[in-house]
Amino acid sequence: MKSTKAALMMSLVLVSAYAEEADKKTQEALSAPTEHYVATAHIDGNASTQGDANHPPEAIPATEPPKGGGISVTKSDQGKWRMRVFQFIPSQIISPVGKEVTIHFLGVQGPSHRIKVDGVEEEIQLKRGEIKTVTLHPTEKGAINFRSLDHQPSMSGQIIVIAE
């Protein structure tokens, strides 16, 4: 019976030490700066008023897309049409208060973008093939917005700053 209690006590000591070490490593990881890569992208939806073997006929939208350049509908003479929506991928980043956050904006689709990040004075000029970086030091919880000034209302994103 004594050897069983001793073995159990030793197991508890080992588990406790392991948990303490795991907690320490978790805290270190949570306090380390983070880096995020955010790509400029557009999503295209192609359609036709005649349809084809894989798709039914689709009418050209009767309403105009919102102003701002982020959503467009292009029509052709042959009844084909395309809807394009510009977005950031990913469009949401989560970070704890007090943790340095670095965002690398990647110019993937669209020849150029003017990007504004809340709390950053300078506008980011981004061309296809370029990477532009911004580093933030959020001191309070809330949202830090970023958006393309050329492709609204669809091309926007947020850094959600949460309490640790």
N, C-alpha and C. Protein backbone atom coordinates (compact mmCIF):
# COMPACT_ATOMS: atom_id res chain seq x y z
N MET A 1 0.82 -1.19 0.00
CA MET A 1 0.00 0.00 0.00
C MET A 1 0.87 1.26 0.00
N LYS A 2 1.97 1.24 0.83
CA LYS A 2 2.86 2.40 0.88
C LYS A 2 3.52 2.64 -0.47
N SER A 3 3.88 1.57 -1.18
CA SER A 3 4.55 1.74 -2.48
C SER A 3 3.56 2.30 -3.51
N THR A 4 2.29 1.96 -3.42
CA THR A 4 1.28 2.49 -4.33
C THR A 4 1.09 3.98 -4.08
N LYS A 5 1.03 4.39 -2.81
CA LYS A 5 0.90 5.81 -2.47
C LYS A 5 2.12 6.58 -2.92
N ALA A 6 3.30 6.01 -2.73
CA ALA A 6 4.54 6.67 -3.14
C ALA A 6 4.58 6.83 -4.65
N ALA A 7 4.17 5.80 -5.37
CA ALA A 7 4.16 5.86 -6.83
C ALA A 7 3.15 6.91 -7.31
N LEU A 8 2.00 6.97 -6.65
CA LEU A 8 0.98 7.95 -7.00
C LEU A 8 1.49 9.36 -6.73
N MET A 9 2.15 9.57 -5.59
CA MET A 9 2.70 10.88 -5.25
C MET A 9 3.77 11.29 -6.28
N MET A 10 4.61 10.35 -6.66
CA MET A 10 5.65 10.64 -7.64
C MET A 10 5.02 11.01 -8.98
N SER A 11 3.96 10.31 -9.37
CA SER A 11 3.25 10.61 -10.62
C SER A 11 2.66 12.01 -10.59
N LEU A 12 2.07 12.38 -9.46
CA LEU A 12 1.49 13.72 -9.32
C LEU A 12 2.55 14.80 -9.41
N VAL A 13 3.71 14.55 -8.80
CA VAL A 13 4.81 15.50 -8.86
C VAL A 13 5.27 15.67 -10.31
N LEU A 14 5.41 14.57 -11.04
CA LEU A 14 5.84 14.63 -12.44
C LEU A 14 4.82 15.34 -13.31
N VAL A 15 3.54 15.02 -13.12
CA VAL A 15 2.48 15.68 -13.90
C VAL A 15 2.46 17.17 -13.60
N SER A 16 2.60 17.54 -12.35
CA SER A 16 2.62 18.95 -11.96
C SER A 16 3.79 19.67 -12.61
N ALA A 17 4.97 19.07 -12.59
CA ALA A 17 6.15 19.68 -13.20
C ALA A 17 5.96 19.83 -14.70
N TYR A 18 5.39 18.81 -15.34
CA TYR A 18 5.13 18.86 -16.78
C TYR A 18 4.13 19.99 -17.10
N ALA A 19 3.06 20.09 -16.32
CA ALA A 19 2.05 21.11 -16.53
C ALA A 19 2.64 22.51 -16.36
N GLU A 20 3.50 22.67 -15.36
CA GLU A 20 4.16 23.96 -15.13
C GLU A 20 5.01 24.36 -16.33
N GLU A 21 5.78 23.41 -16.86
CA GLU A 21 6.64 23.66 -18.02
C GLU A 21 5.78 23.97 -19.25
N ALA A 22 4.70 23.23 -19.45
CA ALA A 22 3.81 23.46 -20.59
C ALA A 22 3.17 24.85 -20.49
N ASP A 23 2.77 25.25 -19.28
CA ASP A 23 2.17 26.56 -19.07
C ASP A 23 3.19 27.66 -19.38
N LYS A 24 4.43 27.47 -18.96
CA LYS A 24 5.50 28.45 -19.23
C LYS A 24 5.71 28.60 -20.73
N LYS A 25 5.74 27.48 -21.48
CA LYS A 25 5.95 27.53 -22.92
C LYS A 25 4.74 28.18 -23.62
N THR A 26 3.55 27.92 -23.12
CA THR A 26 2.35 28.54 -23.69
C THR A 26 2.40 30.05 -23.49
N GLN A 27 2.78 30.50 -22.31
CA GLN A 27 2.87 31.94 -22.04
C GLN A 27 3.93 32.60 -22.91
N GLU A 28 5.05 31.93 -23.11
CA GLU A 28 6.10 32.47 -23.99
C GLU A 28 5.57 32.61 -25.41
N ALA A 29 4.86 31.59 -25.88
CA ALA A 29 4.32 31.62 -27.24
C ALA A 29 3.29 32.74 -27.39
N LEU A 30 2.45 32.93 -26.38
CA LEU A 30 1.43 33.97 -26.45
C LEU A 30 2.01 35.37 -26.43
N SER A 31 3.16 35.55 -25.81
CA SER A 31 3.75 36.89 -25.72
C SER A 31 4.68 37.19 -26.88
N ALA A 32 5.02 36.20 -27.70
CA ALA A 32 5.91 36.42 -28.84
C ALA A 32 5.18 37.22 -29.92
N PRO A 33 5.92 38.07 -30.65
CA PRO A 33 5.29 38.80 -31.75
C PRO A 33 4.73 37.84 -32.80
N THR A 34 3.73 38.29 -33.54
CA THR A 34 3.17 37.44 -34.59
C THR A 34 3.35 38.10 -35.95
N GLU A 35 3.43 37.29 -36.98
CA GLU A 35 3.51 37.77 -38.35
C GLU A 35 2.36 37.14 -39.13
N HIS A 36 1.75 37.95 -39.98
CA HIS A 36 0.63 37.49 -40.78
C HIS A 36 0.83 37.95 -42.22
N TYR A 37 0.49 37.11 -43.16
CA TYR A 37 0.57 37.44 -44.58
C TYR A 37 -0.85 37.60 -45.10
N VAL A 38 -1.14 38.78 -45.66
CA VAL A 38 -2.47 39.10 -46.15
C VAL A 38 -2.34 39.39 -47.65
N ALA A 39 -3.02 38.57 -48.46
CA ALA A 39 -2.94 38.70 -49.90
C ALA A 39 -4.09 39.53 -50.46
N THR A 40 -3.79 40.26 -51.54
CA THR A 40 -4.84 40.93 -52.29
C THR A 40 -5.38 39.90 -53.29
N ALA A 41 -6.66 39.79 -53.39
CA ALA A 41 -7.24 38.78 -54.27
C ALA A 41 -8.55 39.27 -54.86
N HIS A 42 -8.92 38.67 -55.96
CA HIS A 42 -10.27 38.87 -56.47
C HIS A 42 -10.87 37.52 -56.79
N ILE A 43 -12.15 37.45 -56.59
CA ILE A 43 -12.90 36.23 -56.86
C ILE A 43 -13.79 36.53 -58.05
N ASP A 44 -13.72 35.68 -59.06
CA ASP A 44 -14.52 35.88 -60.26
C ASP A 44 -15.61 34.82 -60.35
N GLY A 45 -16.79 35.26 -60.68
CA GLY A 45 -17.90 34.35 -60.97
C GLY A 45 -18.31 34.57 -62.42
N ASN A 46 -18.09 33.58 -63.27
CA ASN A 46 -18.42 33.69 -64.69
C ASN A 46 -19.78 33.03 -64.95
N ALA A 47 -20.56 33.65 -65.82
CA ALA A 47 -21.89 33.14 -66.12
C ALA A 47 -22.25 33.48 -67.56
N SER A 48 -23.39 32.95 -68.00
CA SER A 48 -23.87 33.19 -69.36
C SER A 48 -25.39 33.18 -69.35
N THR A 49 -25.96 34.06 -70.17
CA THR A 49 -27.42 34.07 -70.28
C THR A 49 -27.93 32.86 -71.06
N GLN A 50 -27.02 32.19 -71.82
CA GLN A 50 -27.41 30.97 -72.55
C GLN A 50 -27.16 29.70 -71.75
N GLY A 51 -26.25 29.76 -70.77
CA GLY A 51 -25.88 28.56 -70.04
C GLY A 51 -24.97 27.68 -70.88
N ASP A 52 -24.56 26.55 -70.31
CA ASP A 52 -23.75 25.57 -71.04
C ASP A 52 -24.02 24.19 -70.45
N ALA A 53 -23.23 23.22 -70.83
CA ALA A 53 -23.46 21.84 -70.38
C ALA A 53 -23.37 21.70 -68.86
N ASN A 54 -22.60 22.56 -68.21
CA ASN A 54 -22.41 22.45 -66.76
C ASN A 54 -23.18 23.47 -65.93
N HIS A 55 -23.73 24.50 -66.58
CA HIS A 55 -24.38 25.58 -65.84
C HIS A 55 -25.69 26.00 -66.50
N PRO A 56 -26.70 26.31 -65.71
CA PRO A 56 -27.95 26.80 -66.29
C PRO A 56 -27.78 28.25 -66.75
N PRO A 57 -28.67 28.74 -67.61
CA PRO A 57 -28.63 30.15 -67.99
C PRO A 57 -28.83 31.04 -66.76
N GLU A 58 -28.11 32.15 -66.73
CA GLU A 58 -28.23 33.10 -65.62
C GLU A 58 -28.38 34.51 -66.19
N ALA A 59 -29.40 35.21 -65.72
CA ALA A 59 -29.66 36.57 -66.18
C ALA A 59 -28.58 37.51 -65.65
N ILE A 60 -28.26 38.51 -66.45
CA ILE A 60 -27.33 39.56 -66.01
C ILE A 60 -28.03 40.34 -64.90
N PRO A 61 -27.33 40.61 -63.78
CA PRO A 61 -27.98 41.34 -62.67
C PRO A 61 -28.58 42.66 -63.14
N ALA A 62 -29.78 42.94 -62.67
CA ALA A 62 -30.48 44.17 -63.06
C ALA A 62 -29.98 45.38 -62.28
N THR A 63 -29.46 45.15 -61.08
CA THR A 63 -28.99 46.27 -60.27
C THR A 63 -27.48 46.45 -60.43
N GLU A 64 -27.06 47.68 -60.37
CA GLU A 64 -25.63 48.00 -60.46
C GLU A 64 -24.96 47.65 -59.13
N PRO A 65 -23.70 47.20 -59.18
CA PRO A 65 -22.98 46.93 -57.92
C PRO A 65 -22.70 48.23 -57.17
N PRO A 66 -22.40 48.15 -55.88
CA PRO A 66 -22.09 49.36 -55.12
C PRO A 66 -20.89 50.10 -55.71
N LYS A 67 -20.86 51.40 -55.54
CA LYS A 67 -19.73 52.22 -56.00
C LYS A 67 -18.51 51.92 -55.14
N GLY A 68 -17.32 52.18 -55.69
CA GLY A 68 -16.10 52.04 -54.92
C GLY A 68 -15.05 51.16 -55.57
N GLY A 69 -15.41 50.43 -56.62
CA GLY A 69 -14.43 49.63 -57.35
C GLY A 69 -14.15 48.25 -56.79
N GLY A 70 -14.78 47.88 -55.69
CA GLY A 70 -14.53 46.57 -55.10
C GLY A 70 -15.37 45.46 -55.68
N ILE A 71 -16.49 45.81 -56.31
CA ILE A 71 -17.39 44.83 -56.90
C ILE A 71 -17.74 45.32 -58.30
N SER A 72 -17.58 44.44 -59.28
CA SER A 72 -17.91 44.85 -60.65
C SER A 72 -18.61 43.73 -61.40
N VAL A 73 -19.41 44.14 -62.40
CA VAL A 73 -20.05 43.21 -63.32
C VAL A 73 -19.62 43.63 -64.72
N THR A 74 -19.04 42.69 -65.46
CA THR A 74 -18.60 42.95 -66.83
C THR A 74 -19.45 42.11 -67.77
N LYS A 75 -19.99 42.75 -68.81
CA LYS A 75 -20.87 42.06 -69.74
C LYS A 75 -20.21 42.01 -71.13
N SER A 76 -20.51 40.94 -71.89
CA SER A 76 -20.04 40.85 -73.27
C SER A 76 -21.24 40.80 -74.21
N ASP A 77 -20.98 40.93 -75.50
CA ASP A 77 -22.06 40.90 -76.50
C ASP A 77 -22.67 39.51 -76.66
N GLN A 78 -21.95 38.47 -76.29
CA GLN A 78 -22.43 37.11 -76.49
C GLN A 78 -23.25 36.58 -75.32
N GLY A 79 -23.66 37.43 -74.40
CA GLY A 79 -24.46 37.00 -73.26
C GLY A 79 -23.64 36.49 -72.09
N LYS A 80 -22.34 36.51 -72.23
CA LYS A 80 -21.49 36.09 -71.12
C LYS A 80 -21.28 37.29 -70.20
N TRP A 81 -21.16 37.00 -68.92
CA TRP A 81 -20.91 38.07 -67.96
C TRP A 81 -20.11 37.53 -66.79
N ARG A 82 -19.45 38.46 -66.08
CA ARG A 82 -18.60 38.07 -64.96
C ARG A 82 -18.82 39.06 -63.81
N MET A 83 -18.88 38.50 -62.62
CA MET A 83 -18.91 39.32 -61.41
C MET A 83 -17.57 39.15 -60.72
N ARG A 84 -16.93 40.26 -60.35
CA ARG A 84 -15.63 40.24 -59.68
C ARG A 84 -15.75 40.97 -58.34
N VAL A 85 -15.18 40.36 -57.29
CA VAL A 85 -15.17 40.95 -55.96
C VAL A 85 -13.73 40.93 -55.44
N PHE A 86 -13.22 42.09 -55.04
CA PHE A 86 -11.88 42.18 -54.47
C PHE A 86 -11.96 41.97 -52.96
N GLN A 87 -10.96 41.24 -52.42
CA GLN A 87 -10.91 40.95 -50.99
C GLN A 87 -9.47 40.82 -50.51
N PHE A 88 -9.30 40.93 -49.19
CA PHE A 88 -8.06 40.54 -48.54
C PHE A 88 -8.23 39.12 -48.04
N ILE A 89 -7.19 38.30 -48.19
CA ILE A 89 -7.23 36.93 -47.68
C ILE A 89 -5.98 36.70 -46.84
N PRO A 90 -6.13 36.46 -45.52
CA PRO A 90 -7.36 36.51 -44.73
C PRO A 90 -7.77 37.96 -44.48
N SER A 91 -9.00 38.12 -44.08
CA SER A 91 -9.51 39.47 -43.81
C SER A 91 -9.66 39.73 -42.32
N GLN A 92 -9.35 38.74 -41.50
CA GLN A 92 -9.44 38.93 -40.05
C GLN A 92 -8.26 38.25 -39.36
N ILE A 93 -7.65 39.01 -38.46
CA ILE A 93 -6.51 38.53 -37.67
C ILE A 93 -6.86 38.77 -36.22
N ILE A 94 -6.55 37.82 -35.35
CA ILE A 94 -6.83 37.97 -33.92
C ILE A 94 -5.51 38.02 -33.18
N SER A 95 -5.37 39.01 -32.28
CA SER A 95 -4.14 39.19 -31.53
C SER A 95 -4.45 39.71 -30.14
N PRO A 96 -3.69 39.26 -29.12
CA PRO A 96 -3.91 39.80 -27.77
C PRO A 96 -3.36 41.22 -27.61
N VAL A 97 -3.93 41.94 -26.68
CA VAL A 97 -3.46 43.28 -26.33
C VAL A 97 -1.98 43.20 -25.94
N GLY A 98 -1.21 44.18 -26.37
CA GLY A 98 0.19 44.27 -25.97
C GLY A 98 1.14 43.43 -26.79
N LYS A 99 0.62 42.67 -27.72
CA LYS A 99 1.46 41.80 -28.53
C LYS A 99 1.74 42.47 -29.88
N GLU A 100 3.00 42.56 -30.24
CA GLU A 100 3.37 43.15 -31.53
C GLU A 100 2.79 42.32 -32.67
N VAL A 101 2.19 42.99 -33.64
CA VAL A 101 1.57 42.33 -34.78
C VAL A 101 2.19 42.90 -36.06
N THR A 102 2.75 42.03 -36.88
CA THR A 102 3.31 42.45 -38.16
C THR A 102 2.46 41.85 -39.27
N ILE A 103 2.03 42.72 -40.19
CA ILE A 103 1.25 42.27 -41.34
C ILE A 103 2.07 42.55 -42.59
N HIS A 104 2.23 41.51 -43.40
CA HIS A 104 2.87 41.63 -44.71
C HIS A 104 1.76 41.59 -45.75
N PHE A 105 1.52 42.71 -46.42
CA PHE A 105 0.52 42.75 -47.49
C PHE A 105 1.20 42.28 -48.78
N LEU A 106 0.59 41.29 -49.44
CA LEU A 106 1.12 40.70 -50.66
C LEU A 106 0.29 41.14 -51.85
N GLY A 107 0.93 41.78 -52.82
CA GLY A 107 0.22 42.19 -54.03
C GLY A 107 0.09 41.02 -54.99
N VAL A 108 -1.04 40.33 -54.96
CA VAL A 108 -1.23 39.13 -55.78
C VAL A 108 -2.11 39.44 -56.99
N GLN A 109 -3.31 39.93 -56.76
CA GLN A 109 -4.22 40.22 -57.86
C GLN A 109 -4.60 41.68 -57.84
N GLY A 110 -4.77 42.23 -59.02
CA GLY A 110 -5.00 43.66 -59.17
C GLY A 110 -3.65 44.33 -59.35
N PRO A 111 -3.53 45.22 -60.33
CA PRO A 111 -2.22 45.84 -60.61
C PRO A 111 -1.70 46.71 -59.47
N SER A 112 -2.61 47.33 -58.69
CA SER A 112 -2.14 48.15 -57.57
C SER A 112 -3.27 48.36 -56.56
N HIS A 113 -2.86 48.66 -55.34
CA HIS A 113 -3.81 48.92 -54.25
C HIS A 113 -3.24 50.03 -53.38
N ARG A 114 -4.10 50.93 -52.96
CA ARG A 114 -3.75 51.90 -51.92
C ARG A 114 -4.43 51.41 -50.65
N ILE A 115 -3.63 51.08 -49.64
CA ILE A 115 -4.16 50.46 -48.42
C ILE A 115 -3.98 51.42 -47.26
N LYS A 116 -5.03 51.55 -46.46
CA LYS A 116 -4.99 52.38 -45.26
C LYS A 116 -5.23 51.47 -44.05
N VAL A 117 -4.34 51.59 -43.06
CA VAL A 117 -4.44 50.85 -41.81
C VAL A 117 -4.68 51.85 -40.69
N ASP A 118 -5.74 51.65 -39.90
CA ASP A 118 -6.00 52.56 -38.77
C ASP A 118 -4.77 52.63 -37.87
N GLY A 119 -4.44 53.84 -37.46
CA GLY A 119 -3.31 54.04 -36.56
C GLY A 119 -1.97 54.15 -37.26
N VAL A 120 -1.96 53.96 -38.57
CA VAL A 120 -0.73 54.10 -39.36
C VAL A 120 -0.93 55.32 -40.25
N GLU A 121 -0.06 56.31 -40.10
CA GLU A 121 -0.26 57.57 -40.79
C GLU A 121 -0.13 57.44 -42.31
N GLU A 122 0.89 56.73 -42.76
CA GLU A 122 1.15 56.65 -44.19
C GLU A 122 0.28 55.60 -44.88
N GLU A 123 -0.21 55.97 -46.04
CA GLU A 123 -0.95 55.05 -46.90
C GLU A 123 0.06 54.08 -47.53
N ILE A 124 -0.32 52.83 -47.64
CA ILE A 124 0.54 51.82 -48.26
C ILE A 124 0.23 51.76 -49.74
N GLN A 125 1.25 51.93 -50.58
CA GLN A 125 1.11 51.79 -52.03
C GLN A 125 1.64 50.41 -52.39
N LEU A 126 0.77 49.53 -52.86
CA LEU A 126 1.14 48.14 -53.13
C LEU A 126 0.86 47.79 -54.58
N LYS A 127 1.88 47.27 -55.26
CA LYS A 127 1.71 46.81 -56.64
C LYS A 127 1.82 45.30 -56.68
N ARG A 128 1.29 44.72 -57.75
CA ARG A 128 1.36 43.27 -57.93
C ARG A 128 2.83 42.82 -57.84
N GLY A 129 3.06 41.76 -57.08
CA GLY A 129 4.40 41.21 -56.92
C GLY A 129 5.18 41.80 -55.76
N GLU A 130 4.65 42.85 -55.14
CA GLU A 130 5.34 43.48 -54.01
C GLU A 130 4.83 42.95 -52.68
N ILE A 131 5.65 43.15 -51.66
CA ILE A 131 5.27 42.90 -50.27
C ILE A 131 5.54 44.18 -49.50
N LYS A 132 4.54 44.67 -48.81
CA LYS A 132 4.69 45.86 -47.96
C LYS A 132 4.30 45.46 -46.55
N THR A 133 5.09 45.91 -45.59
CA THR A 133 4.94 45.47 -44.20
C THR A 133 4.59 46.62 -43.28
N VAL A 134 3.73 46.34 -42.33
CA VAL A 134 3.38 47.28 -41.28
C VAL A 134 3.40 46.53 -39.95
N THR A 135 3.95 47.18 -38.92
CA THR A 135 4.00 46.58 -37.58
C THR A 135 3.23 47.47 -36.62
N LEU A 136 2.36 46.83 -35.85
CA LEU A 136 1.50 47.54 -34.90
C LEU A 136 1.77 47.05 -33.49
N HIS A 137 1.50 47.90 -32.52
CA HIS A 137 1.65 47.56 -31.11
C HIS A 137 0.36 47.92 -30.39
N PRO A 138 -0.69 47.08 -30.53
CA PRO A 138 -1.98 47.41 -29.93
C PRO A 138 -1.91 47.46 -28.39
N THR A 139 -2.44 48.54 -27.83
CA THR A 139 -2.39 48.72 -26.38
C THR A 139 -3.75 48.56 -25.71
N GLU A 140 -4.79 48.42 -26.51
CA GLU A 140 -6.12 48.20 -25.93
C GLU A 140 -6.93 47.29 -26.84
N LYS A 141 -7.91 46.60 -26.24
CA LYS A 141 -8.72 45.68 -27.05
C LYS A 141 -9.67 46.47 -27.93
N GLY A 142 -10.07 45.84 -29.03
CA GLY A 142 -10.94 46.48 -30.00
C GLY A 142 -10.57 46.01 -31.39
N ALA A 143 -10.86 46.83 -32.38
CA ALA A 143 -10.60 46.48 -33.78
C ALA A 143 -9.70 47.53 -34.42
N ILE A 144 -8.74 47.06 -35.19
CA ILE A 144 -7.91 47.91 -36.04
C ILE A 144 -8.29 47.55 -37.47
N ASN A 145 -8.85 48.51 -38.18
CA ASN A 145 -9.34 48.25 -39.54
C ASN A 145 -8.26 48.51 -40.58
N PHE A 146 -8.30 47.73 -41.66
CA PHE A 146 -7.48 48.04 -42.84
C PHE A 146 -8.37 47.88 -44.07
N ARG A 147 -8.09 48.66 -45.11
CA ARG A 147 -8.94 48.65 -46.29
C ARG A 147 -8.18 49.14 -47.51
N SER A 148 -8.60 48.65 -48.66
CA SER A 148 -8.10 49.16 -49.93
C SER A 148 -8.93 50.39 -50.28
N LEU A 149 -8.28 51.49 -50.53
CA LEU A 149 -9.00 52.71 -50.88
C LEU A 149 -9.56 52.64 -52.30
N ASP A 150 -9.06 51.69 -53.09
CA ASP A 150 -9.47 51.56 -54.49
C ASP A 150 -10.57 50.53 -54.72
N HIS A 151 -10.82 49.67 -53.74
CA HIS A 151 -11.74 48.55 -53.95
C HIS A 151 -12.72 48.41 -52.79
N GLN A 152 -13.54 49.42 -52.62
CA GLN A 152 -14.56 49.39 -51.58
C GLN A 152 -15.90 49.01 -52.20
N PRO A 153 -16.84 48.47 -51.50
CA PRO A 153 -16.86 48.25 -50.06
C PRO A 153 -16.34 46.88 -49.64
N SER A 154 -15.94 46.05 -50.60
CA SER A 154 -15.66 44.65 -50.27
C SER A 154 -14.25 44.37 -49.75
N MET A 155 -13.27 45.20 -50.07
CA MET A 155 -11.88 44.88 -49.73
C MET A 155 -11.48 45.58 -48.44
N SER A 156 -11.81 44.92 -47.33
CA SER A 156 -11.49 45.47 -46.02
C SER A 156 -11.21 44.32 -45.07
N GLY A 157 -10.56 44.64 -43.97
CA GLY A 157 -10.25 43.61 -42.99
C GLY A 157 -10.06 44.23 -41.61
N GLN A 158 -9.81 43.37 -40.62
CA GLN A 158 -9.66 43.83 -39.24
C GLN A 158 -8.63 42.99 -38.50
N ILE A 159 -7.96 43.67 -37.61
CA ILE A 159 -7.18 42.99 -36.58
C ILE A 159 -8.03 43.10 -35.32
N ILE A 160 -8.49 42.00 -34.81
CA ILE A 160 -9.31 41.98 -33.60
C ILE A 160 -8.34 41.82 -32.43
N VAL A 161 -8.28 42.84 -31.59
CA VAL A 161 -7.38 42.83 -30.44
C VAL A 161 -8.19 42.41 -29.22
N ILE A 162 -7.77 41.29 -28.63
CA ILE A 162 -8.51 40.73 -27.49
C ILE A 162 -7.69 40.84 -26.22
N ALA A 163 -8.36 40.76 -25.06
CA ALA A 163 -7.67 40.75 -23.78
C ALA A 163 -6.92 39.42 -23.67
N GLU A 164 -5.76 39.47 -23.05
CA GLU A 164 -4.98 38.23 -22.88
C GLU A 164 -5.61 37.31 -21.90
